[in-house]
Every structure is written in structure tokens, then in C-alpha cells.
Amino acid sequence: MAAVSGTAAAATAEASADKAACNAPTEAARKALFGVAEEQPAEVEAAVRGRLPGWLSGSLVVNGGGDYSHMSHMFDGYGVLAKVRLQGSKAWGAQRYLDSKAYREYTREGRVVLREFGTRAEVSGPLGELKEVLSQLAGLMTKNPSFTDNASVSLQPVRRGAAAGGPLLMAMSETPPASYLINPSDLSTTEQVRHVLWA
């Protein structure tokens, strides 16, 4: 009886391991999801397999994390905008990083400078730690926070009149400074939106 139980337990453990292996992302999938996105600001025609319905046309723009280097949380990737445009039987794609202060400082310094959702600014030694704490406190007291303006969470349409340049998208995140207007035609960052509380 013990041999049967052992065999059954081994079979159950093996089945469980097989199931876990099927559900776990591959190393290639992890690299694709949490690596560094390449910018492609100009639209490039994509190869279409099969046929697109004739009635399907328009653009889809999404944002999310594009560069996870030095990050310790999956919500912290620097914002990248991706666009797919469909027309007739053709498709085009483009991708561009959001031009935020956090991303500019990261690319200039080669390290996380502003605190993200789950990733602290990279500092060295006790004096660096003290400087970071004092910077956070000073930012809260002066309404000039030193936390991120990385708007990588959502997009909302913003209607503006033709005289103001037409429709735009607003890229946003949880922190008040993380609001930027985006031109949907070329994915360029046009301006940071200042909310009354933080103006």
C-alpha cells in the first residue's frame, strides 16, 4: 500500500509541476514584457496575416511600462505609448516613450532618480539615503514633490477645439504631476498638465 501511495503522490507532484510549467511565462516572454521597449516614432507598415474586415479602421493607442531596467516593481516601467492604425486591409504601428521628467532624468543619469510606485530612487551611502528622505519631506511641504511624473497607467481622450489643435490624449498615473497631453497622430508629448492643487 505504501508503494502505491508513494507512486500516487509522485504522479500528483509531477502533474502539478507540469501544470505550473505550462502556466509560468517563458524567459523570452519575461524579456519581452519586462525588458526595454524600442522606440519607433514613425509609423511602420505591419505584415497582416489573413484578412482584416473591410469595416475595421481607425487607431488604438495604449500606454504602459516600456523600460524596466533598475525597477523592482511591475508597475514602474517608464511610460511608452504604442499605436496600431488600421485602414482598408493594411496595418501600421508606432511606439514612443512618454517625455516625462522621470524618463529624461533616468536616461541622462542612467539610474532611477525619482521615486516610482514600488522602486525607490537609487542613492549611494547613508548621506544619499538622508538626502532622499529630506527631498521627499521638502517636496511635500513645498508642493513640489520629488516622486515620479511617469504617466504609464491610462489614457483618456481630451477634446479641444480646432483652434487649440484638435483632439488629444491625456496619459496619467496616480501621482498628481503624472498627467501629460499626447498628440495621437505622432505620439509626441505636447505638455504636462498642472492640476490646481499642485500649480
N, C-alpha and C. Protein backbone atom coordinates (compact mmCIF):
# COMPACT_ATOMS: atom_id res chain seq x y z
N MET A 1 0.81 -1.20 0.00
CA MET A 1 0.00 0.00 0.00
C MET A 1 0.85 1.25 0.00
N ALA A 2 1.94 1.25 0.75
CA ALA A 2 2.81 2.42 0.82
C ALA A 2 3.40 2.73 -0.55
N ALA A 3 3.78 1.70 -1.30
CA ALA A 3 4.36 1.91 -2.62
C ALA A 3 3.34 2.56 -3.55
N VAL A 4 2.08 2.16 -3.44
CA VAL A 4 1.03 2.75 -4.27
C VAL A 4 0.84 4.21 -3.90
N SER A 5 0.80 4.49 -2.59
CA SER A 5 0.63 5.87 -2.15
C SER A 5 1.79 6.72 -2.60
N GLY A 6 3.02 6.18 -2.50
CA GLY A 6 4.19 6.92 -2.95
C GLY A 6 4.13 7.20 -4.44
N THR A 7 3.69 6.22 -5.20
CA THR A 7 3.58 6.38 -6.64
C THR A 7 2.50 7.40 -6.98
N ALA A 8 1.38 7.34 -6.26
CA ALA A 8 0.30 8.30 -6.48
C ALA A 8 0.77 9.71 -6.12
N ALA A 9 1.49 9.84 -5.01
CA ALA A 9 1.99 11.15 -4.59
C ALA A 9 2.97 11.70 -5.61
N ALA A 10 3.85 10.83 -6.12
CA ALA A 10 4.82 11.26 -7.12
C ALA A 10 4.12 11.69 -8.40
N ALA A 11 3.09 10.94 -8.80
CA ALA A 11 2.34 11.29 -10.01
C ALA A 11 1.63 12.63 -9.84
N THR A 12 1.06 12.85 -8.64
CA THR A 12 0.38 14.12 -8.36
C THR A 12 1.36 15.27 -8.39
N ALA A 13 2.54 15.07 -7.77
CA ALA A 13 3.57 16.11 -7.76
C ALA A 13 4.05 16.41 -9.18
N GLU A 14 4.23 15.35 -10.00
CA GLU A 14 4.67 15.54 -11.38
C GLU A 14 3.63 16.30 -12.19
N ALA A 15 2.35 15.94 -12.02
CA ALA A 15 1.27 16.63 -12.73
C ALA A 15 1.20 18.10 -12.31
N SER A 16 1.39 18.34 -11.02
CA SER A 16 1.37 19.71 -10.52
C SER A 16 2.52 20.52 -11.10
N ALA A 17 3.71 19.92 -11.18
CA ALA A 17 4.87 20.60 -11.75
C ALA A 17 4.65 20.88 -13.23
N ASP A 18 4.06 19.91 -13.96
CA ASP A 18 3.77 20.11 -15.38
C ASP A 18 2.80 21.27 -15.57
N LYS A 19 1.76 21.33 -14.72
CA LYS A 19 0.78 22.40 -14.81
C LYS A 19 1.43 23.74 -14.53
N ALA A 20 2.29 23.82 -13.51
CA ALA A 20 2.98 25.06 -13.18
C ALA A 20 3.87 25.49 -14.33
N ALA A 21 4.56 24.53 -14.95
CA ALA A 21 5.45 24.85 -16.07
C ALA A 21 4.65 25.40 -17.25
N CYS A 22 3.44 24.91 -17.47
CA CYS A 22 2.61 25.41 -18.56
C CYS A 22 2.13 26.83 -18.29
N ASN A 23 1.88 27.17 -17.03
CA ASN A 23 1.37 28.49 -16.69
C ASN A 23 2.46 29.53 -16.48
N ALA A 24 3.68 29.10 -16.25
CA ALA A 24 4.78 30.03 -16.00
C ALA A 24 5.22 30.67 -17.31
N PRO A 25 5.47 31.98 -17.29
CA PRO A 25 5.95 32.61 -18.53
C PRO A 25 7.37 32.14 -18.86
N THR A 26 7.65 32.02 -20.12
CA THR A 26 8.98 31.62 -20.55
C THR A 26 9.95 32.79 -20.33
N GLU A 27 11.22 32.49 -20.40
CA GLU A 27 12.23 33.55 -20.25
C GLU A 27 12.08 34.58 -21.37
N ALA A 28 11.76 34.13 -22.58
CA ALA A 28 11.55 35.04 -23.71
C ALA A 28 10.35 35.96 -23.45
N ALA A 29 9.28 35.40 -22.87
CA ALA A 29 8.10 36.21 -22.56
C ALA A 29 8.43 37.25 -21.49
N ARG A 30 9.18 36.85 -20.46
CA ARG A 30 9.58 37.81 -19.43
C ARG A 30 10.42 38.94 -20.02
N LYS A 31 11.35 38.58 -20.89
CA LYS A 31 12.21 39.59 -21.51
C LYS A 31 11.37 40.55 -22.37
N ALA A 32 10.41 40.01 -23.11
CA ALA A 32 9.56 40.84 -23.95
C ALA A 32 8.68 41.76 -23.12
N LEU A 33 8.14 41.25 -22.02
CA LEU A 33 7.24 42.06 -21.18
C LEU A 33 7.97 43.04 -20.29
N PHE A 34 9.11 42.64 -19.75
CA PHE A 34 9.78 43.47 -18.74
C PHE A 34 11.18 43.89 -19.18
N GLY A 35 11.41 43.96 -20.44
CA GLY A 35 12.70 44.40 -20.97
C GLY A 35 12.67 45.89 -21.25
N VAL A 36 13.31 46.27 -22.32
CA VAL A 36 13.37 47.67 -22.74
C VAL A 36 12.73 47.77 -24.12
N ALA A 37 11.64 48.53 -24.22
CA ALA A 37 10.95 48.70 -25.49
C ALA A 37 11.77 49.60 -26.41
N GLU A 38 11.76 49.28 -27.69
CA GLU A 38 12.45 50.10 -28.68
C GLU A 38 11.48 51.15 -29.22
N GLU A 39 11.98 52.37 -29.34
CA GLU A 39 11.15 53.43 -29.92
C GLU A 39 11.06 53.25 -31.43
N GLN A 40 9.88 53.52 -31.96
CA GLN A 40 9.63 53.53 -33.39
C GLN A 40 8.63 54.66 -33.62
N PRO A 41 9.09 55.93 -33.54
CA PRO A 41 8.15 57.06 -33.61
C PRO A 41 7.39 57.17 -34.93
N ALA A 42 8.05 56.85 -36.04
CA ALA A 42 7.37 56.91 -37.34
C ALA A 42 6.59 55.61 -37.55
N GLU A 43 5.38 55.74 -38.08
CA GLU A 43 4.58 54.55 -38.34
C GLU A 43 5.26 53.66 -39.36
N VAL A 44 5.22 52.35 -39.09
CA VAL A 44 5.79 51.35 -39.99
C VAL A 44 4.68 50.39 -40.37
N GLU A 45 4.59 50.05 -41.66
CA GLU A 45 3.56 49.11 -42.08
C GLU A 45 3.87 47.73 -41.54
N ALA A 46 2.85 47.08 -41.02
CA ALA A 46 2.99 45.74 -40.45
C ALA A 46 2.49 44.70 -41.44
N ALA A 47 3.06 43.52 -41.35
CA ALA A 47 2.59 42.40 -42.17
C ALA A 47 1.28 41.90 -41.57
N VAL A 48 0.28 41.74 -42.40
CA VAL A 48 -1.02 41.25 -41.95
C VAL A 48 -1.18 39.81 -42.41
N ARG A 49 -1.45 38.93 -41.48
CA ARG A 49 -1.73 37.53 -41.81
C ARG A 49 -3.23 37.36 -41.84
N GLY A 50 -3.72 36.74 -42.88
CA GLY A 50 -5.17 36.61 -43.01
C GLY A 50 -5.73 37.89 -43.61
N ARG A 51 -7.00 38.17 -43.27
CA ARG A 51 -7.67 39.36 -43.82
C ARG A 51 -8.29 40.17 -42.71
N LEU A 52 -8.15 41.48 -42.80
CA LEU A 52 -8.84 42.37 -41.88
C LEU A 52 -10.21 42.69 -42.46
N PRO A 53 -11.25 42.74 -41.64
CA PRO A 53 -12.57 43.12 -42.16
C PRO A 53 -12.52 44.52 -42.77
N GLY A 54 -13.19 44.72 -43.87
CA GLY A 54 -13.19 46.00 -44.55
C GLY A 54 -13.70 47.16 -43.71
N TRP A 55 -14.62 46.86 -42.78
CA TRP A 55 -15.20 47.92 -41.95
C TRP A 55 -14.28 48.35 -40.81
N LEU A 56 -13.23 47.59 -40.55
CA LEU A 56 -12.35 47.86 -39.42
C LEU A 56 -11.30 48.90 -39.80
N SER A 57 -11.44 50.10 -39.23
CA SER A 57 -10.45 51.14 -39.48
C SER A 57 -10.38 52.05 -38.26
N GLY A 58 -9.25 52.71 -38.13
CA GLY A 58 -9.05 53.61 -37.00
C GLY A 58 -7.74 53.29 -36.30
N SER A 59 -7.56 53.91 -35.14
CA SER A 59 -6.31 53.73 -34.39
C SER A 59 -6.61 53.32 -32.96
N LEU A 60 -5.72 52.53 -32.41
CA LEU A 60 -5.74 52.16 -31.00
C LEU A 60 -4.41 52.59 -30.40
N VAL A 61 -4.47 53.42 -29.36
CA VAL A 61 -3.27 53.87 -28.66
C VAL A 61 -3.37 53.39 -27.22
N VAL A 62 -2.31 52.76 -26.73
CA VAL A 62 -2.26 52.29 -25.35
C VAL A 62 -0.95 52.76 -24.73
N ASN A 63 -0.91 52.80 -23.41
CA ASN A 63 0.37 53.08 -22.76
C ASN A 63 0.60 52.09 -21.64
N GLY A 64 1.84 51.97 -21.26
CA GLY A 64 2.24 51.05 -20.21
C GLY A 64 3.73 51.14 -20.01
N GLY A 65 4.27 50.26 -19.20
CA GLY A 65 5.70 50.27 -18.92
C GLY A 65 6.51 49.85 -20.13
N GLY A 66 7.57 50.60 -20.42
CA GLY A 66 8.40 50.29 -21.57
C GLY A 66 9.84 50.01 -21.23
N ASP A 67 10.32 50.49 -20.10
CA ASP A 67 11.71 50.24 -19.70
C ASP A 67 11.71 49.86 -18.22
N TYR A 68 12.04 48.60 -17.96
CA TYR A 68 12.03 48.08 -16.59
C TYR A 68 13.44 47.94 -16.02
N SER A 69 14.45 48.49 -16.69
CA SER A 69 15.81 48.44 -16.17
C SER A 69 15.83 49.12 -14.80
N HIS A 70 16.46 48.53 -13.84
CA HIS A 70 16.62 49.10 -12.49
C HIS A 70 15.31 49.14 -11.69
N MET A 71 14.23 48.58 -12.21
CA MET A 71 12.95 48.64 -11.49
C MET A 71 12.75 47.41 -10.63
N SER A 72 12.03 47.59 -9.53
CA SER A 72 11.77 46.47 -8.64
C SER A 72 10.28 46.15 -8.53
N HIS A 73 9.44 46.82 -9.31
CA HIS A 73 8.01 46.56 -9.27
C HIS A 73 7.45 46.60 -10.69
N MET A 74 6.49 45.72 -10.96
CA MET A 74 5.96 45.63 -12.31
C MET A 74 5.16 46.86 -12.76
N PHE A 75 4.76 47.73 -11.83
CA PHE A 75 4.04 48.95 -12.21
C PHE A 75 4.98 50.11 -12.55
N ASP A 76 6.29 49.91 -12.44
CA ASP A 76 7.23 51.02 -12.50
C ASP A 76 7.90 51.27 -13.84
N GLY A 77 7.66 50.49 -14.85
CA GLY A 77 8.33 50.72 -16.13
C GLY A 77 8.03 52.12 -16.67
N TYR A 78 9.04 52.75 -17.26
CA TYR A 78 8.82 54.10 -17.80
C TYR A 78 7.81 54.04 -18.94
N GLY A 79 6.92 55.02 -18.97
CA GLY A 79 5.79 55.02 -19.89
C GLY A 79 6.19 55.02 -21.34
N VAL A 80 5.58 54.10 -22.08
CA VAL A 80 5.75 54.06 -23.53
C VAL A 80 4.37 53.98 -24.15
N LEU A 81 4.17 54.71 -25.23
CA LEU A 81 2.91 54.73 -25.96
C LEU A 81 3.05 53.85 -27.19
N ALA A 82 2.07 53.01 -27.43
CA ALA A 82 2.07 52.14 -28.61
C ALA A 82 0.79 52.39 -29.40
N LYS A 83 0.93 52.43 -30.70
CA LYS A 83 -0.21 52.75 -31.57
C LYS A 83 -0.30 51.73 -32.70
N VAL A 84 -1.52 51.26 -32.96
CA VAL A 84 -1.82 50.43 -34.13
C VAL A 84 -2.88 51.17 -34.93
N ARG A 85 -2.61 51.38 -36.22
CA ARG A 85 -3.58 52.05 -37.09
C ARG A 85 -3.98 51.07 -38.18
N LEU A 86 -5.30 50.92 -38.36
CA LEU A 86 -5.85 50.03 -39.38
C LEU A 86 -6.62 50.84 -40.41
N GLN A 87 -6.42 50.49 -41.67
CA GLN A 87 -7.17 51.16 -42.75
C GLN A 87 -7.18 50.23 -43.95
N GLY A 88 -8.38 49.94 -44.45
CA GLY A 88 -8.50 49.01 -45.56
C GLY A 88 -8.00 47.64 -45.12
N SER A 89 -7.09 47.09 -45.85
CA SER A 89 -6.53 45.78 -45.49
C SER A 89 -5.12 45.91 -44.94
N LYS A 90 -4.73 47.12 -44.52
CA LYS A 90 -3.37 47.37 -44.06
C LYS A 90 -3.35 47.78 -42.59
N ALA A 91 -2.17 47.57 -41.97
CA ALA A 91 -1.97 47.95 -40.56
C ALA A 91 -0.60 48.60 -40.42
N TRP A 92 -0.51 49.58 -39.52
CA TRP A 92 0.73 50.26 -39.23
C TRP A 92 0.92 50.29 -37.71
N GLY A 93 2.14 50.42 -37.28
CA GLY A 93 2.43 50.51 -35.86
C GLY A 93 3.50 51.54 -35.58
N ALA A 94 3.44 52.10 -34.37
CA ALA A 94 4.44 53.06 -33.90
C ALA A 94 4.55 52.92 -32.39
N GLN A 95 5.69 53.35 -31.84
CA GLN A 95 5.91 53.25 -30.40
C GLN A 95 6.86 54.36 -29.98
N ARG A 96 6.52 55.03 -28.88
CA ARG A 96 7.32 56.18 -28.44
C ARG A 96 7.25 56.32 -26.93
N TYR A 97 8.39 56.64 -26.31
CA TYR A 97 8.40 56.88 -24.87
C TYR A 97 7.75 58.21 -24.53
N LEU A 98 7.03 58.23 -23.43
CA LEU A 98 6.44 59.46 -22.91
C LEU A 98 7.58 60.35 -22.44
N ASP A 99 7.56 61.61 -22.83
CA ASP A 99 8.63 62.54 -22.48
C ASP A 99 8.35 63.16 -21.11
N SER A 100 8.56 62.37 -20.06
CA SER A 100 8.34 62.85 -18.69
C SER A 100 9.67 63.25 -18.06
N LYS A 101 9.60 64.03 -17.00
CA LYS A 101 10.81 64.42 -16.27
C LYS A 101 11.52 63.17 -15.74
N ALA A 102 10.76 62.22 -15.21
CA ALA A 102 11.34 60.99 -14.67
C ALA A 102 12.13 60.25 -15.74
N TYR A 103 11.57 60.13 -16.95
CA TYR A 103 12.26 59.41 -18.01
C TYR A 103 13.47 60.18 -18.51
N ARG A 104 13.36 61.50 -18.65
CA ARG A 104 14.50 62.31 -19.08
C ARG A 104 15.67 62.20 -18.09
N GLU A 105 15.36 62.28 -16.79
CA GLU A 105 16.41 62.19 -15.78
C GLU A 105 17.02 60.78 -15.75
N TYR A 106 16.18 59.77 -15.93
CA TYR A 106 16.68 58.39 -15.97
C TYR A 106 17.65 58.20 -17.14
N THR A 107 17.28 58.68 -18.34
CA THR A 107 18.15 58.50 -19.50
C THR A 107 19.42 59.33 -19.36
N ARG A 108 19.34 60.50 -18.72
CA ARG A 108 20.53 61.33 -18.53
C ARG A 108 21.48 60.74 -17.48
N GLU A 109 20.91 60.27 -16.35
CA GLU A 109 21.71 59.79 -15.23
C GLU A 109 22.05 58.29 -15.30
N GLY A 110 21.25 57.51 -16.02
CA GLY A 110 21.46 56.07 -16.08
C GLY A 110 21.03 55.35 -14.82
N ARG A 111 20.16 55.97 -14.05
CA ARG A 111 19.66 55.39 -12.80
C ARG A 111 18.30 56.00 -12.48
N VAL A 112 17.55 55.36 -11.59
CA VAL A 112 16.26 55.88 -11.16
C VAL A 112 16.52 57.10 -10.27
N VAL A 113 16.03 58.26 -10.67
CA VAL A 113 16.26 59.50 -9.94
C VAL A 113 15.05 59.87 -9.10
N LEU A 114 13.85 59.66 -9.64
CA LEU A 114 12.62 59.97 -8.92
C LEU A 114 11.96 58.68 -8.46
N ARG A 115 11.43 58.69 -7.27
CA ARG A 115 10.77 57.51 -6.72
C ARG A 115 9.59 57.10 -7.59
N GLU A 116 9.50 55.80 -7.90
CA GLU A 116 8.38 55.25 -8.65
C GLU A 116 7.41 54.59 -7.66
N PHE A 117 6.39 53.92 -8.17
CA PHE A 117 5.39 53.28 -7.32
C PHE A 117 6.02 52.33 -6.31
N GLY A 118 6.86 51.43 -6.76
CA GLY A 118 7.47 50.45 -5.86
C GLY A 118 8.98 50.45 -5.91
N THR A 119 9.58 51.40 -6.60
CA THR A 119 11.03 51.47 -6.74
C THR A 119 11.53 52.81 -6.20
N ARG A 120 12.41 52.72 -5.22
CA ARG A 120 12.99 53.94 -4.65
C ARG A 120 14.04 54.51 -5.59
N ALA A 121 14.29 55.80 -5.45
CA ALA A 121 15.37 56.43 -6.20
C ALA A 121 16.69 55.77 -5.78
N GLU A 122 17.58 55.57 -6.74
CA GLU A 122 18.85 54.92 -6.45
C GLU A 122 19.81 55.94 -5.86
N VAL A 123 20.25 55.68 -4.64
CA VAL A 123 21.18 56.57 -3.96
C VAL A 123 22.33 55.72 -3.43
N SER A 124 23.42 56.38 -3.04
CA SER A 124 24.55 55.62 -2.50
C SER A 124 24.91 56.14 -1.11
N GLY A 125 25.06 55.21 -0.20
CA GLY A 125 25.52 55.51 1.15
C GLY A 125 24.49 56.20 2.03
N PRO A 126 24.84 56.36 3.31
CA PRO A 126 23.94 56.98 4.27
C PRO A 126 23.58 58.43 3.93
N LEU A 127 24.54 59.19 3.40
CA LEU A 127 24.23 60.58 3.03
C LEU A 127 23.23 60.63 1.88
N GLY A 128 23.35 59.70 0.94
CA GLY A 128 22.38 59.62 -0.15
C GLY A 128 20.99 59.28 0.36
N GLU A 129 20.91 58.36 1.33
CA GLU A 129 19.63 57.99 1.95
C GLU A 129 19.01 59.20 2.64
N LEU A 130 19.85 59.93 3.42
CA LEU A 130 19.37 61.12 4.14
C LEU A 130 18.88 62.17 3.15
N LYS A 131 19.64 62.39 2.10
CA LYS A 131 19.25 63.37 1.07
C LYS A 131 17.90 63.00 0.47
N GLU A 132 17.68 61.71 0.20
CA GLU A 132 16.41 61.25 -0.38
C GLU A 132 15.25 61.50 0.57
N VAL A 133 15.42 61.19 1.85
CA VAL A 133 14.36 61.42 2.85
C VAL A 133 14.05 62.91 2.96
N LEU A 134 15.08 63.74 3.05
CA LEU A 134 14.87 65.19 3.15
C LEU A 134 14.22 65.76 1.90
N SER A 135 14.60 65.21 0.75
CA SER A 135 13.99 65.65 -0.50
C SER A 135 12.50 65.33 -0.54
N GLN A 136 12.13 64.14 -0.07
CA GLN A 136 10.71 63.76 -0.01
C GLN A 136 9.94 64.69 0.93
N LEU A 137 10.49 64.96 2.10
CA LEU A 137 9.82 65.84 3.07
C LEU A 137 9.71 67.26 2.54
N ALA A 138 10.77 67.79 1.97
CA ALA A 138 10.74 69.14 1.41
C ALA A 138 9.73 69.22 0.28
N GLY A 139 9.67 68.20 -0.54
CA GLY A 139 8.71 68.19 -1.65
C GLY A 139 7.28 68.23 -1.17
N LEU A 140 6.98 67.50 -0.10
CA LEU A 140 5.61 67.50 0.44
C LEU A 140 5.26 68.85 1.04
N MET A 141 6.21 69.50 1.69
CA MET A 141 5.93 70.80 2.33
C MET A 141 5.83 71.93 1.31
N THR A 142 6.54 71.84 0.20
CA THR A 142 6.55 72.92 -0.79
C THR A 142 5.63 72.65 -1.97
N LYS A 143 4.90 71.56 -1.94
CA LYS A 143 4.04 71.14 -3.05
C LYS A 143 4.85 70.96 -4.34
N ASN A 144 6.11 70.60 -4.18
CA ASN A 144 6.99 70.30 -5.31
C ASN A 144 7.59 68.93 -5.07
N PRO A 145 6.77 67.89 -5.21
CA PRO A 145 7.21 66.55 -4.82
C PRO A 145 8.34 66.02 -5.69
N SER A 146 9.15 65.16 -5.07
CA SER A 146 10.25 64.54 -5.81
C SER A 146 9.89 63.12 -6.22
N PHE A 147 8.57 62.79 -6.19
CA PHE A 147 8.19 61.48 -6.71
C PHE A 147 7.81 61.60 -8.17
N THR A 148 7.60 60.50 -8.78
CA THR A 148 7.55 60.40 -10.24
C THR A 148 6.40 61.16 -10.91
N ASP A 149 6.67 61.52 -12.16
CA ASP A 149 5.63 62.03 -13.06
C ASP A 149 5.47 61.07 -14.23
N ASN A 150 5.86 59.81 -14.01
CA ASN A 150 5.81 58.76 -15.03
C ASN A 150 4.36 58.35 -15.27
N ALA A 151 3.76 58.87 -16.33
CA ALA A 151 2.33 58.64 -16.62
C ALA A 151 2.16 57.39 -17.49
N SER A 152 2.25 56.21 -16.86
CA SER A 152 2.25 54.96 -17.62
C SER A 152 1.04 54.08 -17.35
N VAL A 153 -0.04 54.64 -16.80
CA VAL A 153 -1.17 53.81 -16.38
C VAL A 153 -2.36 53.86 -17.33
N SER A 154 -2.79 55.04 -17.73
CA SER A 154 -4.01 55.10 -18.55
C SER A 154 -3.96 56.26 -19.54
N LEU A 155 -4.87 56.22 -20.50
CA LEU A 155 -5.05 57.29 -21.48
C LEU A 155 -6.51 57.67 -21.52
N GLN A 156 -6.77 58.95 -21.61
CA GLN A 156 -8.13 59.46 -21.74
C GLN A 156 -8.18 60.45 -22.90
N PRO A 157 -9.24 60.42 -23.71
CA PRO A 157 -9.36 61.43 -24.77
C PRO A 157 -9.67 62.80 -24.17
N VAL A 158 -9.09 63.83 -24.77
CA VAL A 158 -9.32 65.21 -24.35
C VAL A 158 -9.77 65.97 -25.58
N ARG A 159 -10.96 66.50 -25.52
CA ARG A 159 -11.48 67.23 -26.67
C ARG A 159 -11.10 68.70 -26.57
N ARG A 160 -10.48 69.18 -27.64
CA ARG A 160 -10.13 70.59 -27.73
C ARG A 160 -10.60 71.08 -29.09
N GLY A 161 -10.89 72.32 -29.19
CA GLY A 161 -11.35 72.88 -30.46
C GLY A 161 -10.27 72.87 -31.51
N ALA A 162 -10.68 73.04 -32.76
CA ALA A 162 -9.72 73.05 -33.87
C ALA A 162 -8.70 74.16 -33.70
N ALA A 163 -9.10 75.31 -33.14
CA ALA A 163 -8.17 76.41 -32.92
C ALA A 163 -7.09 76.03 -31.92
N ALA A 164 -7.41 75.12 -30.99
CA ALA A 164 -6.44 74.68 -29.98
C ALA A 164 -5.63 73.48 -30.46
N GLY A 165 -5.84 73.02 -31.69
CA GLY A 165 -5.04 71.93 -32.22
C GLY A 165 -5.76 70.60 -32.33
N GLY A 166 -7.05 70.55 -32.05
CA GLY A 166 -7.79 69.30 -32.21
C GLY A 166 -7.69 68.38 -31.02
N PRO A 167 -8.18 67.13 -31.19
CA PRO A 167 -8.24 66.19 -30.07
C PRO A 167 -6.85 65.73 -29.62
N LEU A 168 -6.73 65.46 -28.34
CA LEU A 168 -5.50 64.96 -27.75
C LEU A 168 -5.84 63.80 -26.82
N LEU A 169 -4.82 63.13 -26.33
CA LEU A 169 -4.98 62.12 -25.30
C LEU A 169 -4.26 62.61 -24.05
N MET A 170 -4.77 62.24 -22.88
CA MET A 170 -4.07 62.55 -21.64
C MET A 170 -3.56 61.26 -21.04
N ALA A 171 -2.23 61.14 -20.92
CA ALA A 171 -1.61 60.00 -20.25
C ALA A 171 -1.52 60.34 -18.77
N MET A 172 -1.92 59.38 -17.92
CA MET A 172 -1.98 59.66 -16.48
C MET A 172 -1.46 58.50 -15.66
N SER A 173 -1.17 58.81 -14.40
CA SER A 173 -0.83 57.82 -13.40
C SER A 173 -1.37 58.32 -12.06
N GLU A 174 -0.97 57.68 -10.96
CA GLU A 174 -1.54 58.00 -9.65
C GLU A 174 -1.06 59.32 -9.06
N THR A 175 0.17 59.73 -9.34
CA THR A 175 0.69 60.94 -8.70
C THR A 175 0.19 62.18 -9.44
N PRO A 176 -0.10 63.26 -8.72
CA PRO A 176 -0.63 64.47 -9.38
C PRO A 176 0.22 65.01 -10.52
N PRO A 177 1.55 64.98 -10.46
CA PRO A 177 2.30 65.51 -11.61
C PRO A 177 2.32 64.59 -12.82
N ALA A 178 1.79 63.39 -12.71
CA ALA A 178 1.84 62.41 -13.80
C ALA A 178 0.65 62.54 -14.72
N SER A 179 0.54 63.68 -15.39
CA SER A 179 -0.51 63.93 -16.38
C SER A 179 0.10 64.68 -17.55
N TYR A 180 0.04 64.08 -18.72
CA TYR A 180 0.64 64.68 -19.91
C TYR A 180 -0.33 64.61 -21.08
N LEU A 181 -0.37 65.67 -21.89
CA LEU A 181 -1.15 65.66 -23.12
C LEU A 181 -0.29 65.06 -24.23
N ILE A 182 -0.93 64.19 -25.02
CA ILE A 182 -0.26 63.44 -26.07
C ILE A 182 -0.95 63.72 -27.41
N ASN A 183 -0.18 63.93 -28.45
CA ASN A 183 -0.71 64.06 -29.79
C ASN A 183 -0.90 62.65 -30.35
N PRO A 184 -2.14 62.21 -30.59
CA PRO A 184 -2.36 60.82 -31.03
C PRO A 184 -1.83 60.52 -32.43
N SER A 185 -1.60 61.54 -33.25
CA SER A 185 -1.14 61.25 -34.61
C SER A 185 0.32 60.81 -34.64
N ASP A 186 1.19 61.41 -33.79
CA ASP A 186 2.61 61.02 -33.81
C ASP A 186 3.13 60.58 -32.43
N LEU A 187 2.25 60.48 -31.44
CA LEU A 187 2.56 60.03 -30.08
C LEU A 187 3.53 60.96 -29.35
N SER A 188 3.65 62.20 -29.80
CA SER A 188 4.54 63.15 -29.12
C SER A 188 3.88 63.67 -27.86
N THR A 189 4.70 63.97 -26.87
CA THR A 189 4.24 64.56 -25.62
C THR A 189 4.19 66.06 -25.84
N THR A 190 3.00 66.65 -25.70
CA THR A 190 2.88 68.08 -26.00
C THR A 190 3.07 68.97 -24.78
N GLU A 191 2.53 68.57 -23.62
CA GLU A 191 2.72 69.38 -22.41
C GLU A 191 2.31 68.60 -21.18
N GLN A 192 2.88 69.00 -20.05
CA GLN A 192 2.48 68.44 -18.76
C GLN A 192 1.29 69.23 -18.25
N VAL A 193 0.29 68.53 -17.75
CA VAL A 193 -0.90 69.18 -17.21
C VAL A 193 -0.64 69.47 -15.73
N ARG A 194 -0.80 70.71 -15.34
CA ARG A 194 -0.64 71.10 -13.95
C ARG A 194 -2.01 71.20 -13.31
N HIS A 195 -2.23 70.40 -12.29
CA HIS A 195 -3.50 70.44 -11.57
C HIS A 195 -3.47 71.58 -10.57
N VAL A 196 -4.61 72.14 -10.25
CA VAL A 196 -4.71 73.31 -9.36
C VAL A 196 -4.02 73.03 -8.03
N LEU A 197 -4.19 71.84 -7.49
CA LEU A 197 -3.59 71.51 -6.20
C LEU A 197 -2.08 71.64 -6.22
N TRP A 198 -1.47 71.34 -7.38
CA TRP A 198 0.00 71.32 -7.46
C TRP A 198 0.56 72.48 -8.27
N ALA A 199 -0.26 73.40 -8.70
CA ALA A 199 0.22 74.50 -9.55
C ALA A 199 1.01 75.51 -8.75
